[in-house]
Amino acid sequence: MRLFVALALPAAVREALAATQARLQRDAHPVRWSDTSKLHLTLQFLGEADAAVVAPLLAGLARLEVAPLRLTLSGLGAFPGLQQPRVIWVGVAGDIDALGRLQAAVVELTKPLGFAVESRAFAPHLTLGRVRPEARPAQLRALAATLRATEPPPPLSWQAGRPILYQSTLTPHGPSYTALGPVTSDG
């Protein structure tokens, strides 16, 4: 099974992200757009794992001390940058230090279960889309221009909940996510 740990987003945040994504989609770009109803803030992608790790992961997540986190939508950009956009994102601001500590705690609890530690530094973001591999340089320049000209979502704030363990199932229509626990009322 394919697993990841993430924070759920409230409906109002997903709606603001959908509105921004719709503005970006007005121009035809070679982008595979995310389903905004499924957006989340990933803390750690775990990848393929045996079902036997689910119980220890859930127990570890339940033991985590989670400080109240106030997060805010902040900006619009691309990884690795606007010169070569590959991942289109909306940034996250607010209690970023506490969010970083939470993400580090998640990584620490997954290490003894054999999960690898990401070599890149944690960069909290919400992925709106991924540029298709066949995109030509002129298309990338046009996408970068659209990103520069598009208004980011409003700085909507929300109170983050507890980390959730998700199972991701890849389908021809995109990934399907199932919360394995703990389940929130708005996630």
C-alpha atoms as a PDB file:
ATOM      1  CA  MET A   1       0.000   0.000   0.000  1.00  0.00           C
ATOM      2  CA  ARG A   2       1.107   3.551  -0.782  1.00  0.00           C
ATOM      3  CA  LEU A   3       1.068   5.835   2.280  1.00  0.00           C
ATOM      4  CA  PHE A   4       1.616   9.446   3.298  1.00  0.00           C
ATOM      5  CA  VAL A   5       1.029  11.641   6.359  1.00  0.00           C
ATOM      6  CA  ALA A   6      -0.703  14.974   5.854  1.00  0.00           C
ATOM      7  CA  LEU A   7      -2.880  17.685   7.343  1.00  0.00           C
ATOM      8  CA  ALA A   8      -6.417  17.943   6.000  1.00  0.00           C
ATOM      9  CA  LEU A   9      -7.645  21.271   4.641  1.00  0.00           C
ATOM     10  CA  PRO A  10     -11.003  22.841   5.443  1.00  0.00           C
ATOM     11  CA  ALA A  11     -13.520  23.234   2.624  1.00  0.00           C
ATOM     12  CA  ALA A  12     -13.085  27.036   2.465  1.00  0.00           C
ATOM     13  CA  VAL A  13      -9.345  26.638   1.819  1.00  0.00           C
ATOM     14  CA  ARG A  14      -9.921  24.023  -0.885  1.00  0.00           C
ATOM     15  CA  GLU A  15     -12.482  26.362  -2.516  1.00  0.00           C
ATOM     16  CA  ALA A  16      -9.992  29.266  -2.564  1.00  0.00           C
ATOM     17  CA  LEU A  17      -7.390  26.967  -4.119  1.00  0.00           C
ATOM     18  CA  ALA A  18      -9.912  25.794  -6.719  1.00  0.00           C
ATOM     19  CA  ALA A  19     -10.655  29.415  -7.676  1.00  0.00           C
ATOM     20  CA  THR A  20      -6.934  30.129  -8.151  1.00  0.00           C
ATOM     21  CA  GLN A  21      -6.507  26.951 -10.162  1.00  0.00           C
ATOM     22  CA  ALA A  22      -9.459  27.934 -12.389  1.00  0.00           C
ATOM     23  CA  ARG A  23      -7.772  31.290 -13.132  1.00  0.00           C
ATOM     24  CA  LEU A  24      -4.599  29.440 -14.144  1.00  0.00           C
ATOM     25  CA  GLN A  25      -6.542  27.014 -16.343  1.00  0.00           C
ATOM     26  CA  ARG A  26      -7.989  29.802 -18.516  1.00  0.00           C
ATOM     27  CA  ASP A  27      -4.890  29.512 -20.685  1.00  0.00           C
ATOM     28  CA  ALA A  28      -4.122  26.101 -22.131  1.00  0.00           C
ATOM     29  CA  HIS A  29      -0.977  24.881 -20.391  1.00  0.00           C
ATOM     30  CA  PRO A  30       0.585  21.401 -20.410  1.00  0.00           C
ATOM     31  CA  VAL A  31      -0.289  20.792 -16.755  1.00  0.00           C
ATOM     32  CA  ARG A  32      -1.883  17.846 -14.987  1.00  0.00           C
ATOM     33  CA  TRP A  33      -4.077  19.729 -12.517  1.00  0.00           C
ATOM     34  CA  SER A  34      -4.689  18.431  -8.993  1.00  0.00           C
ATOM     35  CA  ASP A  35      -8.199  17.585  -7.885  1.00  0.00           C
ATOM     36  CA  THR A  36      -8.702  20.424  -5.402  1.00  0.00           C
ATOM     37  CA  SER A  37     -11.285  18.404  -3.457  1.00  0.00           C
ATOM     38  CA  LYS A  38      -8.415  16.085  -2.482  1.00  0.00           C
ATOM     39  CA  LEU A  39      -5.750  18.678  -1.642  1.00  0.00           C
ATOM     40  CA  HIS A  40      -3.874  18.307   1.645  1.00  0.00           C
ATOM     41  CA  LEU A  41      -0.651  19.551   3.229  1.00  0.00           C
ATOM     42  CA  THR A  42       1.821  16.668   3.025  1.00  0.00           C
ATOM     43  CA  LEU A  43       4.109  16.241   6.021  1.00  0.00           C
ATOM     44  CA  GLN A  44       5.831  13.073   4.790  1.00  0.00           C
ATOM     45  CA  PHE A  45       5.367  10.869   1.752  1.00  0.00           C
ATOM     46  CA  LEU A  46       6.071   7.312   2.878  1.00  0.00           C
ATOM     47  CA  GLY A  47       5.647   5.442  -0.403  1.00  0.00           C
ATOM     48  CA  GLU A  48       4.976   1.727  -0.732  1.00  0.00           C
ATOM     49  CA  ALA A  49       4.685  -0.032   2.603  1.00  0.00           C
ATOM     50  CA  ASP A  50       3.462  -3.268   4.095  1.00  0.00           C
ATOM     51  CA  ALA A  51       0.040  -3.154   5.774  1.00  0.00           C
ATOM     52  CA  ALA A  52       1.733  -4.244   9.015  1.00  0.00           C
ATOM     53  CA  VAL A  53       3.127  -0.703   9.528  1.00  0.00           C
ATOM     54  CA  VAL A  54      -0.318   0.929   9.626  1.00  0.00           C
ATOM     55  CA  ALA A  55      -1.045   0.120  13.288  1.00  0.00           C
ATOM     56  CA  PRO A  56       2.346   1.359  14.574  1.00  0.00           C
ATOM     57  CA  LEU A  57       2.055   4.491  12.408  1.00  0.00           C
ATOM     58  CA  LEU A  58      -1.411   5.267  13.755  1.00  0.00           C
ATOM     59  CA  ALA A  59      -0.253   4.645  17.332  1.00  0.00           C
ATOM     60  CA  GLY A  60       2.728   6.947  16.823  1.00  0.00           C
ATOM     61  CA  LEU A  61       0.593   9.696  15.287  1.00  0.00           C
ATOM     62  CA  ALA A  62      -1.865   9.428  18.193  1.00  0.00           C
ATOM     63  CA  ARG A  63       1.000   9.960  20.675  1.00  0.00           C
ATOM     64  CA  LEU A  64       2.318  13.092  18.932  1.00  0.00           C
ATOM     65  CA  GLU A  65       1.936  16.305  20.863  1.00  0.00           C
ATOM     66  CA  VAL A  66       0.384  18.676  18.362  1.00  0.00           C
ATOM     67  CA  ALA A  67       0.447  22.373  19.192  1.00  0.00           C
ATOM     68  CA  PRO A  68      -2.379  24.464  17.759  1.00  0.00           C
ATOM     69  CA  LEU A  69      -1.253  25.627  14.311  1.00  0.00           C
ATOM     70  CA  ARG A  70      -2.676  28.674  12.569  1.00  0.00           C
ATOM     71  CA  LEU A  71      -1.802  28.467   8.861  1.00  0.00           C
ATOM     72  CA  THR A  72      -2.468  30.915   6.026  1.00  0.00           C
ATOM     73  CA  LEU A  73      -2.456  30.663   2.235  1.00  0.00           C
ATOM     74  CA  SER A  74       0.501  32.684   0.991  1.00  0.00           C
ATOM     75  CA  GLY A  75       1.552  33.306  -2.581  1.00  0.00           C
ATOM     76  CA  LEU A  76       1.685  31.374  -5.816  1.00  0.00           C
ATOM     77  CA  GLY A  77       4.785  29.880  -7.391  1.00  0.00           C
ATOM     78  CA  ALA A  78       6.517  26.909  -8.957  1.00  0.00           C
ATOM     79  CA  PHE A  79       9.258  24.433  -8.128  1.00  0.00           C
ATOM     80  CA  PRO A  80      12.094  24.553  -8.914  1.00  0.00           C
ATOM     81  CA  GLY A  81      11.316  28.130 -10.002  1.00  0.00           C
ATOM     82  CA  LEU A  82       9.460  30.194 -12.575  1.00  0.00           C
ATOM     83  CA  GLN A  83      12.278  29.732 -15.120  1.00  0.00           C
ATOM     84  CA  GLN A  84      11.608  25.947 -15.240  1.00  0.00           C
ATOM     85  CA  PRO A  85       8.189  25.402 -13.629  1.00  0.00           C
ATOM     86  CA  ARG A  86       7.496  21.749 -12.847  1.00  0.00           C
ATOM     87  CA  VAL A  87       5.216  21.895  -9.797  1.00  0.00           C
ATOM     88  CA  ILE A  88       2.703  24.721  -9.393  1.00  0.00           C
ATOM     89  CA  TRP A  89       1.986  25.547  -5.777  1.00  0.00           C
ATOM     90  CA  VAL A  90       0.353  27.870  -3.285  1.00  0.00           C
ATOM     91  CA  GLY A  91       2.515  28.650  -0.288  1.00  0.00           C
ATOM     92  CA  VAL A  92       1.697  28.275   3.377  1.00  0.00           C
ATOM     93  CA  ALA A  93       2.544  30.854   6.042  1.00  0.00           C
ATOM     94  CA  GLY A  94       1.613  31.334   9.686  1.00  0.00           C
ATOM     95  CA  ASP A  95       2.940  29.087  12.442  1.00  0.00           C
ATOM     96  CA  ILE A  96       5.680  27.737  10.154  1.00  0.00           C
ATOM     97  CA  ASP A  97       8.194  27.027  12.934  1.00  0.00           C
ATOM     98  CA  ALA A  98       5.632  24.890  14.783  1.00  0.00           C
ATOM     99  CA  LEU A  99       4.648  23.243  11.490  1.00  0.00           C
ATOM    100  CA  GLY A 100       8.317  22.414  10.859  1.00  0.00           C
ATOM    101  CA  ARG A 101       8.596  20.874  14.331  1.00  0.00           C
ATOM    102  CA  LEU A 102       5.466  18.792  13.678  1.00  0.00           C
ATOM    103  CA  GLN A 103       6.845  17.600  10.344  1.00  0.00           C
ATOM    104  CA  ALA A 104      10.164  16.697  12.000  1.00  0.00           C
ATOM    105  CA  ALA A 105       8.295  14.760  14.719  1.00  0.00           C
ATOM    106  CA  VAL A 106       6.422  12.805  12.022  1.00  0.00           C
ATOM    107  CA  VAL A 107       9.722  11.954  10.318  1.00  0.00           C
ATOM    108  CA  GLU A 108      11.237  10.851  13.651  1.00  0.00           C
ATOM    109  CA  LEU A 109       8.343   8.489  14.385  1.00  0.00           C
ATOM    110  CA  THR A 110       8.521   6.919  10.909  1.00  0.00           C
ATOM    111  CA  LYS A 111      12.304   6.322  10.895  1.00  0.00           C
ATOM    112  CA  PRO A 112      12.218   3.283  13.238  1.00  0.00           C
ATOM    113  CA  LEU A 113       9.624   1.743  10.910  1.00  0.00           C
ATOM    114  CA  GLY A 114      12.114   1.851   8.038  1.00  0.00           C
ATOM    115  CA  PHE A 115      10.889   4.916   6.141  1.00  0.00           C
ATOM    116  CA  ALA A 116      13.503   7.043   4.411  1.00  0.00           C
ATOM    117  CA  VAL A 117      14.125  10.651   5.342  1.00  0.00           C
ATOM    118  CA  GLU A 118      13.680  13.127   2.481  1.00  0.00           C
ATOM    119  CA  SER A 119      16.973  14.763   1.521  1.00  0.00           C
ATOM    120  CA  ARG A 120      15.280  18.088   0.651  1.00  0.00           C
ATOM    121  CA  ALA A 121      14.301  20.533   3.367  1.00  0.00           C
ATOM    122  CA  PHE A 122      10.594  20.651   4.224  1.00  0.00           C
ATOM    123  CA  ALA A 123       8.915  23.371   2.120  1.00  0.00           C
ATOM    124  CA  PRO A 124       5.222  23.561   3.085  1.00  0.00           C
ATOM    125  CA  HIS A 125       3.052  24.062   0.012  1.00  0.00           C
ATOM    126  CA  LEU A 126      -0.173  22.947  -1.631  1.00  0.00           C
ATOM    127  CA  THR A 127       0.272  21.474  -5.105  1.00  0.00           C
ATOM    128  CA  LEU A 128      -2.160  22.835  -7.711  1.00  0.00           C
ATOM    129  CA  GLY A 129      -0.625  20.943 -10.626  1.00  0.00           C
ATOM    130  CA  ARG A 130       2.374  19.286 -12.211  1.00  0.00           C
ATOM    131  CA  VAL A 131       3.793  20.245 -15.593  1.00  0.00           C
ATOM    132  CA  ARG A 132       3.624  17.407 -18.099  1.00  0.00           C
ATOM    133  CA  PRO A 133       7.040  15.983 -19.081  1.00  0.00           C
ATOM    134  CA  GLU A 134       6.477  16.703 -22.787  1.00  0.00           C
ATOM    135  CA  ALA A 135       6.117  20.479 -22.205  1.00  0.00           C
ATOM    136  CA  ARG A 136       8.215  22.494 -24.653  1.00  0.00           C
ATOM    137  CA  PRO A 137      10.335  25.519 -23.633  1.00  0.00           C
ATOM    138  CA  ALA A 138       7.867  27.996 -25.190  1.00  0.00           C
ATOM    139  CA  GLN A 139       5.040  26.403 -23.199  1.00  0.00           C
ATOM    140  CA  LEU A 140       7.058  26.679 -19.993  1.00  0.00           C
ATOM    141  CA  ARG A 141       7.701  30.380 -20.675  1.00  0.00           C
ATOM    142  CA  ALA A 142       3.975  30.935 -21.290  1.00  0.00           C
ATOM    143  CA  LEU A 143       3.109  29.128 -18.061  1.00  0.00           C
ATOM    144  CA  ALA A 144       5.639  31.231 -16.133  1.00  0.00           C
ATOM    145  CA  ALA A 145       4.069  34.402 -17.568  1.00  0.00           C
ATOM    146  CA  THR A 146       0.613  33.197 -16.520  1.00  0.00           C
ATOM    147  CA  LEU A 147       1.873  32.446 -13.006  1.00  0.00           C
ATOM    148  CA  ARG A 148       3.389  35.943 -12.728  1.00  0.00           C
ATOM    149  CA  ALA A 149       0.141  37.545 -13.941  1.00  0.00           C
ATOM    150  CA  THR A 150      -2.268  35.463 -11.845  1.00  0.00           C
ATOM    151  CA  GLU A 151      -3.455  36.778  -8.517  1.00  0.00           C
ATOM    152  CA  PRO A 152      -2.696  34.328  -5.705  1.00  0.00           C
ATOM    153  CA  PRO A 153      -5.490  33.142  -3.449  1.00  0.00           C
ATOM    154  CA  PRO A 154      -6.512  35.475  -0.627  1.00  0.00           C
ATOM    155  CA  PRO A 155      -4.519  35.017   2.609  1.00  0.00           C
ATOM    156  CA  LEU A 156      -7.160  32.712   4.077  1.00  0.00           C
ATOM    157  CA  SER A 157      -6.270  31.341   7.524  1.00  0.00           C
ATOM    158  CA  TRP A 158      -7.284  28.124   9.219  1.00  0.00           C
ATOM    159  CA  GLN A 159      -6.557  26.078  12.323  1.00  0.00           C
ATOM    160  CA  ALA A 160      -4.743  22.868  11.328  1.00  0.00           C
ATOM    161  CA  GLY A 161      -5.833  19.585  12.853  1.00  0.00           C
ATOM    162  CA  ARG A 162      -3.865  16.476  13.750  1.00  0.00           C
ATOM    163  CA  PRO A 163      -1.746  14.655  11.148  1.00  0.00           C
ATOM    164  CA  ILE A 164      -3.630  11.955   9.277  1.00  0.00           C
ATOM    165  CA  LEU A 165      -2.262   8.759   7.750  1.00  0.00           C
ATOM    166  CA  TYR A 166      -3.569   8.386   4.194  1.00  0.00           C
ATOM    167  CA  GLN A 167      -3.496   5.547   1.720  1.00  0.00           C
ATOM    168  CA  SER A 168      -3.049   6.642  -1.894  1.00  0.00           C
ATOM    169  CA  THR A 169      -4.372   4.407  -4.657  1.00  0.00           C
ATOM    170  CA  LEU A 170      -3.272   5.302  -8.173  1.00  0.00           C
ATOM    171  CA  THR A 171      -6.043   5.062 -10.775  1.00  0.00           C
ATOM    172  CA  PRO A 172      -6.296   6.060 -14.467  1.00  0.00           C
ATOM    173  CA  HIS A 173      -8.292   9.108 -13.299  1.00  0.00           C
ATOM    174  CA  GLY A 174      -5.705  10.214 -10.754  1.00  0.00           C
ATOM    175  CA  PRO A 175      -4.960   9.219  -7.178  1.00  0.00           C
ATOM    176  CA  SER A 176      -7.653   8.291  -4.706  1.00  0.00           C
ATOM    177  CA  TYR A 177      -6.974   9.009  -1.023  1.00  0.00           C
ATOM    178  CA  THR A 178      -8.370   7.158   1.972  1.00  0.00           C
ATOM    179  CA  ALA A 179      -7.853   8.487   5.489  1.00  0.00           C
ATOM    180  CA  LEU A 180      -6.742   5.558   7.641  1.00  0.00           C
ATOM    181  CA  GLY A 181      -6.893   7.638  10.796  1.00  0.00           C
ATOM    182  CA  PRO A 182      -7.500   9.678  12.684  1.00  0.00           C
ATOM    183  CA  VAL A 183     -10.457  10.932  10.644  1.00  0.00           C
ATOM    184  CA  THR A 184     -11.518  14.549  10.999  1.00  0.00           C
ATOM    185  CA  SER A 185     -14.990  15.969  10.442  1.00  0.00           C
ATOM    186  CA  ASP A 186     -13.790  18.398   7.740  1.00  0.00           C
ATOM    187  CA  GLY A 187     -11.054  16.377   6.063  1.00  0.00           C
END
